């Protein structure tokens, strides 16, 4: 949320995160270029969100570092 994402409530091992200022599809592609894999579904109601699985602390820190590069 501190990076501008809308996060849907979740009790699972993933979150649905809607980026601000960039489309989910574009961010998906940019993350992939940095070898960060998340899920993007081109389906009604969820095509504005990325599905981000919760990984290890190191994986989550890598995701945050790359997001800061892309979004800031």
C-alpha atoms as a PDB file:
ATOM      1  CA  UNK A   1       0.000   0.000   0.000  1.00  0.00           C
ATOM      2  CA  UNK A   2       2.907   2.349   0.689  1.00  0.00           C
ATOM      3  CA  UNK A   3       3.819   2.029  -3.004  1.00  0.00           C
ATOM      4  CA  UNK A   4       0.328   3.102  -4.094  1.00  0.00           C
ATOM      5  CA  UNK A   5      -1.358  -0.274  -4.531  1.00  0.00           C
ATOM      6  CA  UNK A   6      -4.951  -1.043  -3.692  1.00  0.00           C
ATOM      7  CA  UNK A   7      -4.825  -4.404  -1.898  1.00  0.00           C
ATOM      8  CA  UNK A   8      -7.894  -6.609  -1.600  1.00  0.00           C
ATOM      9  CA  UNK A   9      -8.410  -8.334   1.769  1.00  0.00           C
ATOM     10  CA  UNK A  10      -6.898 -11.821   1.713  1.00  0.00           C
ATOM     11  CA  UNK A  11      -6.622 -14.792   4.024  1.00  0.00           C
ATOM     12  CA  UNK A  12      -4.746 -16.870   1.447  1.00  0.00           C
ATOM     13  CA  UNK A  13      -1.081 -17.178   0.496  1.00  0.00           C
ATOM     14  CA  UNK A  14      -1.439 -14.429  -2.113  1.00  0.00           C
ATOM     15  CA  UNK A  15      -2.726 -10.894  -2.480  1.00  0.00           C
ATOM     16  CA  UNK A  16      -4.546  -9.165  -5.306  1.00  0.00           C
ATOM     17  CA  UNK A  17      -2.840  -5.815  -5.841  1.00  0.00           C
ATOM     18  CA  UNK A  18      -4.067  -3.021  -8.112  1.00  0.00           C
ATOM     19  CA  UNK A  19      -1.246  -0.654  -9.111  1.00  0.00           C
ATOM     20  CA  UNK A  20      -1.738   3.096  -9.323  1.00  0.00           C
ATOM     21  CA  UNK A  21      -0.478   5.023 -12.341  1.00  0.00           C
ATOM     22  CA  UNK A  22       0.301   1.983 -14.491  1.00  0.00           C
ATOM     23  CA  UNK A  23      -1.826  -0.873 -15.781  1.00  0.00           C
ATOM     24  CA  UNK A  24      -1.505  -4.285 -14.193  1.00  0.00           C
ATOM     25  CA  UNK A  25      -0.621  -5.733 -17.591  1.00  0.00           C
ATOM     26  CA  UNK A  26       2.230  -3.254 -18.095  1.00  0.00           C
ATOM     27  CA  UNK A  27       3.570  -3.794 -14.586  1.00  0.00           C
ATOM     28  CA  UNK A  28       3.372  -7.562 -15.083  1.00  0.00           C
ATOM     29  CA  UNK A  29       5.581  -7.242 -18.170  1.00  0.00           C
ATOM     30  CA  UNK A  30       8.047  -4.923 -16.423  1.00  0.00           C
ATOM     31  CA  UNK A  31       8.358  -7.251 -13.435  1.00  0.00           C
ATOM     32  CA  UNK A  32       8.936 -10.181 -15.783  1.00  0.00           C
ATOM     33  CA  UNK A  33      11.813  -8.283 -17.429  1.00  0.00           C
ATOM     34  CA  UNK A  34      13.397  -8.156 -13.953  1.00  0.00           C
ATOM     35  CA  UNK A  35      12.774 -11.904 -13.492  1.00  0.00           C
ATOM     36  CA  UNK A  36      10.031 -11.288 -10.910  1.00  0.00           C
ATOM     37  CA  UNK A  37       7.114 -13.587 -11.666  1.00  0.00           C
ATOM     38  CA  UNK A  38       3.588 -12.688 -10.606  1.00  0.00           C
ATOM     39  CA  UNK A  39       0.270 -13.619 -12.174  1.00  0.00           C
ATOM     40  CA  UNK A  40      -1.831 -11.441 -14.459  1.00  0.00           C
ATOM     41  CA  UNK A  41      -5.261 -12.530 -15.639  1.00  0.00           C
ATOM     42  CA  UNK A  42      -6.866 -10.786 -18.596  1.00  0.00           C
ATOM     43  CA  UNK A  43     -10.359 -11.466 -17.277  1.00  0.00           C
ATOM     44  CA  UNK A  44     -13.227  -9.121 -16.398  1.00  0.00           C
ATOM     45  CA  UNK A  45     -13.183  -7.820 -12.799  1.00  0.00           C
ATOM     46  CA  UNK A  46      -9.583  -8.897 -12.132  1.00  0.00           C
ATOM     47  CA  UNK A  47      -7.699  -7.498 -15.130  1.00  0.00           C
ATOM     48  CA  UNK A  48      -6.688  -4.429 -13.102  1.00  0.00           C
ATOM     49  CA  UNK A  49      -4.926  -6.564 -10.475  1.00  0.00           C
ATOM     50  CA  UNK A  50      -1.783  -8.625 -10.114  1.00  0.00           C
ATOM     51  CA  UNK A  51      -1.894 -11.835  -8.105  1.00  0.00           C
ATOM     52  CA  UNK A  52       1.203 -11.823  -5.929  1.00  0.00           C
ATOM     53  CA  UNK A  53       2.021 -15.022  -4.069  1.00  0.00           C
ATOM     54  CA  UNK A  54       3.644 -14.591  -0.682  1.00  0.00           C
ATOM     55  CA  UNK A  55       7.163 -15.991  -0.822  1.00  0.00           C
ATOM     56  CA  UNK A  56      10.180 -15.995   1.426  1.00  0.00           C
ATOM     57  CA  UNK A  57      11.337 -12.772   3.074  1.00  0.00           C
ATOM     58  CA  UNK A  58      14.128 -12.545   0.504  1.00  0.00           C
ATOM     59  CA  UNK A  59      11.704 -12.981  -2.415  1.00  0.00           C
ATOM     60  CA  UNK A  60       9.355 -10.347  -1.048  1.00  0.00           C
ATOM     61  CA  UNK A  61      12.238  -7.901  -0.502  1.00  0.00           C
ATOM     62  CA  UNK A  62      13.372  -8.492  -4.098  1.00  0.00           C
ATOM     63  CA  UNK A  63       9.836  -7.733  -5.327  1.00  0.00           C
ATOM     64  CA  UNK A  64       9.662  -4.526  -3.296  1.00  0.00           C
ATOM     65  CA  UNK A  65      13.096  -3.400  -4.508  1.00  0.00           C
ATOM     66  CA  UNK A  66      12.130  -3.901  -8.152  1.00  0.00           C
ATOM     67  CA  UNK A  67       8.761  -2.208  -7.643  1.00  0.00           C
ATOM     68  CA  UNK A  68      10.541   0.826  -6.201  1.00  0.00           C
ATOM     69  CA  UNK A  69      12.761   0.960  -9.294  1.00  0.00           C
ATOM     70  CA  UNK A  70       9.819   0.669 -11.688  1.00  0.00           C
ATOM     71  CA  UNK A  71       7.316   2.895  -9.894  1.00  0.00           C
ATOM     72  CA  UNK A  72       9.490   5.641  -8.425  1.00  0.00           C
END
